[in-house]
PDB file of N, CA and C in Angstrom:
ATOM      1  N   MET A   1    -118.976 170.017 -44.895  1.00  0.00           N
ATOM      2  CA  MET A   1    -117.899 169.186 -45.377  1.00  0.00           C
ATOM      3  C   MET A   1    -116.783 170.055 -45.970  1.00  0.00           C
ATOM      4  N   ALA A   2    -117.171 171.043 -46.764  1.00  0.00           N
ATOM      5  CA  ALA A   2    -116.174 171.931 -47.365  1.00  0.00           C
ATOM      6  C   ALA A   2    -115.361 172.623 -46.281  1.00  0.00           C
ATOM      7  N   ASN A   3    -116.024 173.101 -45.269  1.00  0.00           N
ATOM      8  CA  ASN A   3    -115.341 173.788 -44.179  1.00  0.00           C
ATOM      9  C   ASN A   3    -114.346 172.864 -43.481  1.00  0.00           C
ATOM     10  N   ILE A   4    -114.740 171.643 -43.214  1.00  0.00           N
ATOM     11  CA  ILE A   4    -113.861 170.669 -42.553  1.00  0.00           C
ATOM     12  C   ILE A   4    -112.638 170.380 -43.406  1.00  0.00           C
ATOM     13  N   LEU A   5    -112.818 170.360 -44.730  1.00  0.00           N
ATOM     14  CA  LEU A   5    -111.713 170.073 -45.640  1.00  0.00           C
ATOM     15  C   LEU A   5    -110.903 171.316 -46.010  1.00  0.00           C
ATOM     16  N   GLY A   6    -111.244 172.451 -45.423  1.00  0.00           N
ATOM     17  CA  GLY A   6    -110.488 173.679 -45.678  1.00  0.00           C
ATOM     18  C   GLY A   6    -110.787 174.321 -47.018  1.00  0.00           C
ATOM     19  N   ILE A   7    -111.960 174.037 -47.555  1.00  0.00           N
ATOM     20  CA  ILE A   7    -112.359 174.624 -48.831  1.00  0.00           C
ATOM     21  C   ILE A   7    -113.317 175.777 -48.528  1.00  0.00           C
ATOM     22  N   PRO A   8    -112.972 176.991 -48.944  1.00  0.00           N
ATOM     23  CA  PRO A   8    -113.846 178.124 -48.641  1.00  0.00           C
ATOM     24  C   PRO A   8    -115.193 178.001 -49.346  1.00  0.00           C
ATOM     25  N   SER A   9    -116.233 178.348 -48.656  1.00  0.00           N
ATOM     26  CA  SER A   9    -117.563 178.317 -49.247  1.00  0.00           C
ATOM     27  C   SER A   9    -117.821 179.630 -49.962  1.00  0.00           C
ATOM     28  N   PRO A  10    -118.276 179.551 -51.207  1.00  0.00           N
ATOM     29  CA  PRO A  10    -118.560 180.772 -51.953  1.00  0.00           C
ATOM     30  C   PRO A  10    -119.946 181.340 -51.648  1.00  0.00           C
ATOM     31  N   LYS A  11    -120.652 180.719 -50.730  1.00  0.00           N
ATOM     32  CA  LYS A  11    -122.030 181.110 -50.441  1.00  0.00           C
ATOM     33  C   LYS A  11    -122.065 182.292 -49.487  1.00  0.00           C
ATOM     34  N   GLU A  12    -121.931 183.465 -50.034  1.00  0.00           N
ATOM     35  CA  GLU A  12    -121.968 184.669 -49.217  1.00  0.00           C
ATOM     36  C   GLU A  12    -123.288 185.408 -49.384  1.00  0.00           C
ATOM     37  N   ASP A  13    -123.922 185.220 -50.531  1.00  0.00           N
ATOM     38  CA  ASP A  13    -125.129 185.966 -50.853  1.00  0.00           C
ATOM     39  C   ASP A  13    -126.370 185.395 -50.178  1.00  0.00           C
ATOM     40  N   MET A  14    -126.482 184.064 -50.160  1.00  0.00           N
ATOM     41  CA  MET A  14    -127.661 183.438 -49.566  1.00  0.00           C
ATOM     42  C   MET A  14    -127.358 181.996 -49.220  1.00  0.00           C
ATOM     43  N   ASP A  15    -128.282 181.355 -48.500  1.00  0.00           N
ATOM     44  CA  ASP A  15    -128.151 179.936 -48.216  1.00  0.00           C
ATOM     45  C   ASP A  15    -129.427 179.232 -48.666  1.00  0.00           C
ATOM     46  N   GLY A  16    -129.440 177.925 -48.561  1.00  0.00           N
ATOM     47  CA  GLY A  16    -130.546 177.127 -49.069  1.00  0.00           C
ATOM     48  C   GLY A  16    -131.905 177.497 -48.507  1.00  0.00           C
ATOM     49  N   SER A  17    -131.927 177.976 -47.283  1.00  0.00           N
ATOM     50  CA  SER A  17    -133.204 178.334 -46.672  1.00  0.00           C
ATOM     51  C   SER A  17    -133.830 179.568 -47.313  1.00  0.00           C
ATOM     52  N   MET A  18    -133.063 180.287 -48.103  1.00  0.00           N
ATOM     53  CA  MET A  18    -133.540 181.529 -48.699  1.00  0.00           C
ATOM     54  C   MET A  18    -134.044 181.355 -50.140  1.00  0.00           C
ATOM     55  N   VAL A  19    -133.808 180.181 -50.737  1.00  0.00           N
ATOM     56  CA  VAL A  19    -134.138 179.975 -52.150  1.00  0.00           C
ATOM     57  C   VAL A  19    -135.618 180.207 -52.425  1.00  0.00           C
ATOM     58  N   ARG A  20    -136.475 179.697 -51.581  1.00  0.00           N
ATOM     59  CA  ARG A  20    -137.919 179.865 -51.782  1.00  0.00           C
ATOM     60  C   ARG A  20    -138.297 181.339 -51.857  1.00  0.00           C
ATOM     61  N   ASP A  21    -137.841 182.115 -50.887  1.00  0.00           N
ATOM     62  CA  ASP A  21    -138.189 183.534 -50.859  1.00  0.00           C
ATOM     63  C   ASP A  21    -137.612 184.287 -52.055  1.00  0.00           C
ATOM     64  N   VAL A  22    -136.380 183.946 -52.416  1.00  0.00           N
ATOM     65  CA  VAL A  22    -135.760 184.611 -53.561  1.00  0.00           C
ATOM     66  C   VAL A  22    -136.560 184.325 -54.824  1.00  0.00           C
ATOM     67  N   TYR A  23    -137.084 183.123 -54.950  1.00  0.00           N
ATOM     68  CA  TYR A  23    -137.867 182.779 -56.143  1.00  0.00           C
ATOM     69  C   TYR A  23    -139.273 183.375 -56.100  1.00  0.00           C
ATOM     70  N   TYR A  24    -140.003 183.093 -55.030  1.00  0.00           N
ATOM     71  CA  TYR A  24    -141.412 183.481 -54.995  1.00  0.00           C
ATOM     72  C   TYR A  24    -141.648 184.953 -54.644  1.00  0.00           C
ATOM     73  N   GLU A  25    -140.780 185.521 -53.848  1.00  0.00           N
ATOM     74  CA  GLU A  25    -141.003 186.912 -53.447  1.00  0.00           C
ATOM     75  C   GLU A  25    -140.223 187.904 -54.305  1.00  0.00           C
ATOM     76  N   GLU A  26    -139.017 187.513 -54.713  1.00  0.00           N
ATOM     77  CA  GLU A  26    -138.190 188.420 -55.514  1.00  0.00           C
ATOM     78  C   GLU A  26    -138.205 188.067 -56.998  1.00  0.00           C
ATOM     79  N   GLY A  27    -138.536 186.816 -57.315  1.00  0.00           N
ATOM     80  CA  GLY A  27    -138.547 186.378 -58.708  1.00  0.00           C
ATOM     81  C   GLY A  27    -137.183 186.414 -59.361  1.00  0.00           C
ATOM     82  N   ASP A  28    -136.140 186.275 -58.565  1.00  0.00           N
ATOM     83  CA  ASP A  28    -134.766 186.429 -59.066  1.00  0.00           C
ATOM     84  C   ASP A  28    -134.132 185.069 -59.355  1.00  0.00           C
ATOM     85  N   ILE A  29    -134.532 184.470 -60.473  1.00  0.00           N
ATOM     86  CA  ILE A  29    -134.028 183.149 -60.841  1.00  0.00           C
ATOM     87  C   ILE A  29    -132.521 183.177 -61.108  1.00  0.00           C
ATOM     88  N   ASN A  30    -131.998 184.281 -61.616  1.00  0.00           N
ATOM     89  CA  ASN A  30    -130.560 184.364 -61.888  1.00  0.00           C
ATOM     90  C   ASN A  30    -129.740 184.267 -60.613  1.00  0.00           C
ATOM     91  N   ARG A  31    -130.243 184.823 -59.542  1.00  0.00           N
ATOM     92  CA  ARG A  31    -129.558 184.720 -58.248  1.00  0.00           C
ATOM     93  C   ARG A  31    -129.521 183.265 -57.775  1.00  0.00           C
ATOM     94  N   ILE A  32    -130.592 182.525 -58.024  1.00  0.00           N
ATOM     95  CA  ILE A  32    -130.646 181.115 -57.653  1.00  0.00           C
ATOM     96  C   ILE A  32    -129.709 180.299 -58.532  1.00  0.00           C
ATOM     97  N   VAL A  33    -129.651 180.622 -59.816  1.00  0.00           N
ATOM     98  CA  VAL A  33    -128.725 179.937 -60.727  1.00  0.00           C
ATOM     99  C   VAL A  33    -127.291 180.118 -60.242  1.00  0.00           C
ATOM    100  N   THR A  34    -126.922 181.330 -59.894  1.00  0.00           N
ATOM    101  CA  THR A  34    -125.569 181.602 -59.394  1.00  0.00           C
ATOM    102  C   THR A  34    -125.307 180.812 -58.122  1.00  0.00           C
ATOM    103  N   TYR A  35    -126.278 180.780 -57.220  1.00  0.00           N
ATOM    104  CA  TYR A  35    -126.152 180.022 -55.980  1.00  0.00           C
ATOM    105  C   TYR A  35    -125.881 178.538 -56.281  1.00  0.00           C
ATOM    106  N   CYS A  36    -126.628 177.966 -57.231  1.00  0.00           N
ATOM    107  CA  CYS A  36    -126.461 176.556 -57.581  1.00  0.00           C
ATOM    108  C   CYS A  36    -125.115 176.299 -58.253  1.00  0.00           C
ATOM    109  N   GLU A  37    -124.695 177.208 -59.137  1.00  0.00           N
ATOM    110  CA  GLU A  37    -123.391 177.055 -59.788  1.00  0.00           C
ATOM    111  C   GLU A  37    -122.265 177.034 -58.754  1.00  0.00           C
ATOM    112  N   LEU A  38    -122.338 177.931 -57.798  1.00  0.00           N
ATOM    113  CA  LEU A  38    -121.306 177.973 -56.755  1.00  0.00           C
ATOM    114  C   LEU A  38    -121.326 176.714 -55.906  1.00  0.00           C
ATOM    115  N   ASP A  39    -122.511 176.152 -55.696  1.00  0.00           N
ATOM    116  CA  ASP A  39    -122.638 174.909 -54.950  1.00  0.00           C
ATOM    117  C   ASP A  39    -121.968 173.753 -55.689  1.00  0.00           C
ATOM    118  N   VAL A  40    -122.144 173.696 -57.004  1.00  0.00           N
ATOM    119  CA  VAL A  40    -121.528 172.642 -57.815  1.00  0.00           C
ATOM    120  C   VAL A  40    -120.004 172.778 -57.797  1.00  0.00           C
ATOM    121  N   ILE A  41    -119.503 173.995 -57.884  1.00  0.00           N
ATOM    122  CA  ILE A  41    -118.056 174.220 -57.832  1.00  0.00           C
ATOM    123  C   ILE A  41    -117.497 173.750 -56.494  1.00  0.00           C
ATOM    124  N   THR A  42    -118.184 174.059 -55.422  1.00  0.00           N
ATOM    125  CA  THR A  42    -117.738 173.620 -54.096  1.00  0.00           C
ATOM    126  C   THR A  42    -117.747 172.102 -54.013  1.00  0.00           C
ATOM    127  N   LEU A  43    -118.780 171.461 -54.546  1.00  0.00           N
ATOM    128  CA  LEU A  43    -118.845 170.002 -54.558  1.00  0.00           C
ATOM    129  C   LEU A  43    -117.663 169.411 -55.331  1.00  0.00           C
ATOM    130  N   ALA A  44    -117.334 170.009 -56.469  1.00  0.00           N
ATOM    131  CA  ALA A  44    -116.188 169.529 -57.255  1.00  0.00           C
ATOM    132  C   ALA A  44    -114.896 169.664 -56.460  1.00  0.00           C
ATOM    133  N   GLN A  45    -114.739 170.761 -55.744  1.00  0.00           N
ATOM    134  CA  GLN A  45    -113.537 170.965 -54.932  1.00  0.00           C
ATOM    135  C   GLN A  45    -113.460 169.924 -53.815  1.00  0.00           C
ATOM    136  N   VAL A  46    -114.593 169.619 -53.187  1.00  0.00           N
ATOM    137  CA  VAL A  46    -114.630 168.590 -52.134  1.00  0.00           C
ATOM    138  C   VAL A  46    -114.224 167.242 -52.725  1.00  0.00           C
ATOM    139  N   PHE A  47    -114.785 166.909 -53.880  1.00  0.00           N
ATOM    140  CA  PHE A  47    -114.455 165.654 -54.549  1.00  0.00           C
ATOM    141  C   PHE A  47    -112.951 165.561 -54.828  1.00  0.00           C
ATOM    142  N   LEU A  48    -112.378 166.628 -55.368  1.00  0.00           N
ATOM    143  CA  LEU A  48    -110.942 166.625 -55.656  1.00  0.00           C
ATOM    144  C   LEU A  48    -110.115 166.479 -54.384  1.00  0.00           C
ATOM    145  N   ARG A  49    -110.501 167.175 -53.328  1.00  0.00           N
ATOM    146  CA  ARG A  49    -109.772 167.089 -52.065  1.00  0.00           C
ATOM    147  C   ARG A  49    -109.818 165.666 -51.503  1.00  0.00           C
ATOM    148  N   LEU A  50    -110.980 165.024 -51.585  1.00  0.00           N
ATOM    149  CA  LEU A  50    -111.117 163.653 -51.079  1.00  0.00           C
ATOM    150  C   LEU A  50    -110.294 162.664 -51.894  1.00  0.00           C
ATOM    151  N   ARG A  51    -110.064 162.981 -53.152  1.00  0.00           N
ATOM    152  CA  ARG A  51    -109.216 162.134 -54.000  1.00  0.00           C
ATOM    153  C   ARG A  51    -107.735 162.520 -53.911  1.00  0.00           C
ATOM    154  N   ASN A  52    -107.455 163.493 -53.026  1.00  0.00           N
ATOM    155  CA  ASN A  52    -106.095 163.988 -52.826  1.00  0.00           C
ATOM    156  C   ASN A  52    -105.507 164.548 -54.124  1.00  0.00           C
ATOM    157  N   GLU A  53    -106.358 165.223 -54.885  1.00  0.00           N
ATOM    158  CA  GLU A  53    -105.932 165.851 -56.130  1.00  0.00           C
ATOM    159  C   GLU A  53    -105.895 167.360 -55.943  1.00  0.00           C
ATOM    160  N   ARG A  54    -105.259 168.026 -56.872  1.00  0.00           N
ATOM    161  CA  ARG A  54    -105.143 169.476 -56.815  1.00  0.00           C
ATOM    162  C   ARG A  54    -106.500 170.130 -57.029  1.00  0.00           C
ATOM    163  N   LEU A  55    -106.808 171.138 -56.220  1.00  0.00           N
ATOM    164  CA  LEU A  55    -108.060 171.864 -56.368  1.00  0.00           C
ATOM    165  C   LEU A  55    -108.015 172.739 -57.608  1.00  0.00           C
ATOM    166  N   LEU A  56    -109.185 173.053 -58.130  1.00  0.00           N
ATOM    167  CA  LEU A  56    -109.283 173.959 -59.273  1.00  0.00           C
ATOM    168  C   LEU A  56    -108.951 175.376 -58.824  1.00  0.00           C
ATOM    169  N   ASN A  57    -108.233 176.107 -59.667  1.00  0.00           N
ATOM    170  CA  ASN A  57    -108.035 177.517 -59.357  1.00  0.00           C
ATOM    171  C   ASN A  57    -109.045 178.332 -60.156  1.00  0.00           C
ATOM    172  N   GLU A  58    -109.168 179.577 -59.844  1.00  0.00           N
ATOM    173  CA  GLU A  58    -110.224 180.423 -60.403  1.00  0.00           C
ATOM    174  C   GLU A  58    -110.228 180.445 -61.932  1.00  0.00           C
ATOM    175  N   ASP A  59    -109.060 180.434 -62.565  1.00  0.00           N
ATOM    176  CA  ASP A  59    -109.042 180.504 -64.036  1.00  0.00           C
ATOM    177  C   ASP A  59    -109.430 179.201 -64.696  1.00  0.00           C
ATOM    178  N   GLN A  60    -109.576 178.114 -63.945  1.00  0.00           N
ATOM    179  CA  GLN A  60    -110.021 176.846 -64.491  1.00  0.00           C
ATOM    180  C   GLN A  60    -111.544 176.688 -64.397  1.00  0.00           C
ATOM    181  N   ILE A  61    -112.204 177.605 -63.756  1.00  0.00           N
ATOM    182  CA  ILE A  61    -113.648 177.531 -63.541  1.00  0.00           C
ATOM    183  C   ILE A  61    -114.348 178.443 -64.531  1.00  0.00           C
ATOM    184  N   LYS A  62    -115.278 177.878 -65.278  1.00  0.00           N
ATOM    185  CA  LYS A  62    -116.045 178.645 -66.277  1.00  0.00           C
ATOM    186  C   LYS A  62    -117.477 178.795 -65.778  1.00  0.00           C
ATOM    187  N   TYR A  63    -117.943 180.018 -65.702  1.00  0.00           N
ATOM    188  CA  TYR A  63    -119.315 180.290 -65.303  1.00  0.00           C
ATOM    189  C   TYR A  63    -120.165 180.470 -66.542  1.00  0.00           C
ATOM    190  N   ILE A  64    -121.390 180.011 -66.475  1.00  0.00           N
ATOM    191  CA  ILE A  64    -122.304 180.120 -67.622  1.00  0.00           C
ATOM    192  C   ILE A  64    -123.117 181.390 -67.484  1.00  0.00           C
TER     193      ILE A  64
END
């Protein structure tokens, strides 16, 4: 959906099919947290685009 709406996907490190291995084999929960945070940001951008509102720019996004 993001791709169709012209919103770049921040998912460069991994995709959903890799979460299991990253958790059980690498034990890297922080990598999964980052993956989920980026997913939520993309969802917010899709929501804004569908409402014909301005997308968030990088300085409006706060990472935990």
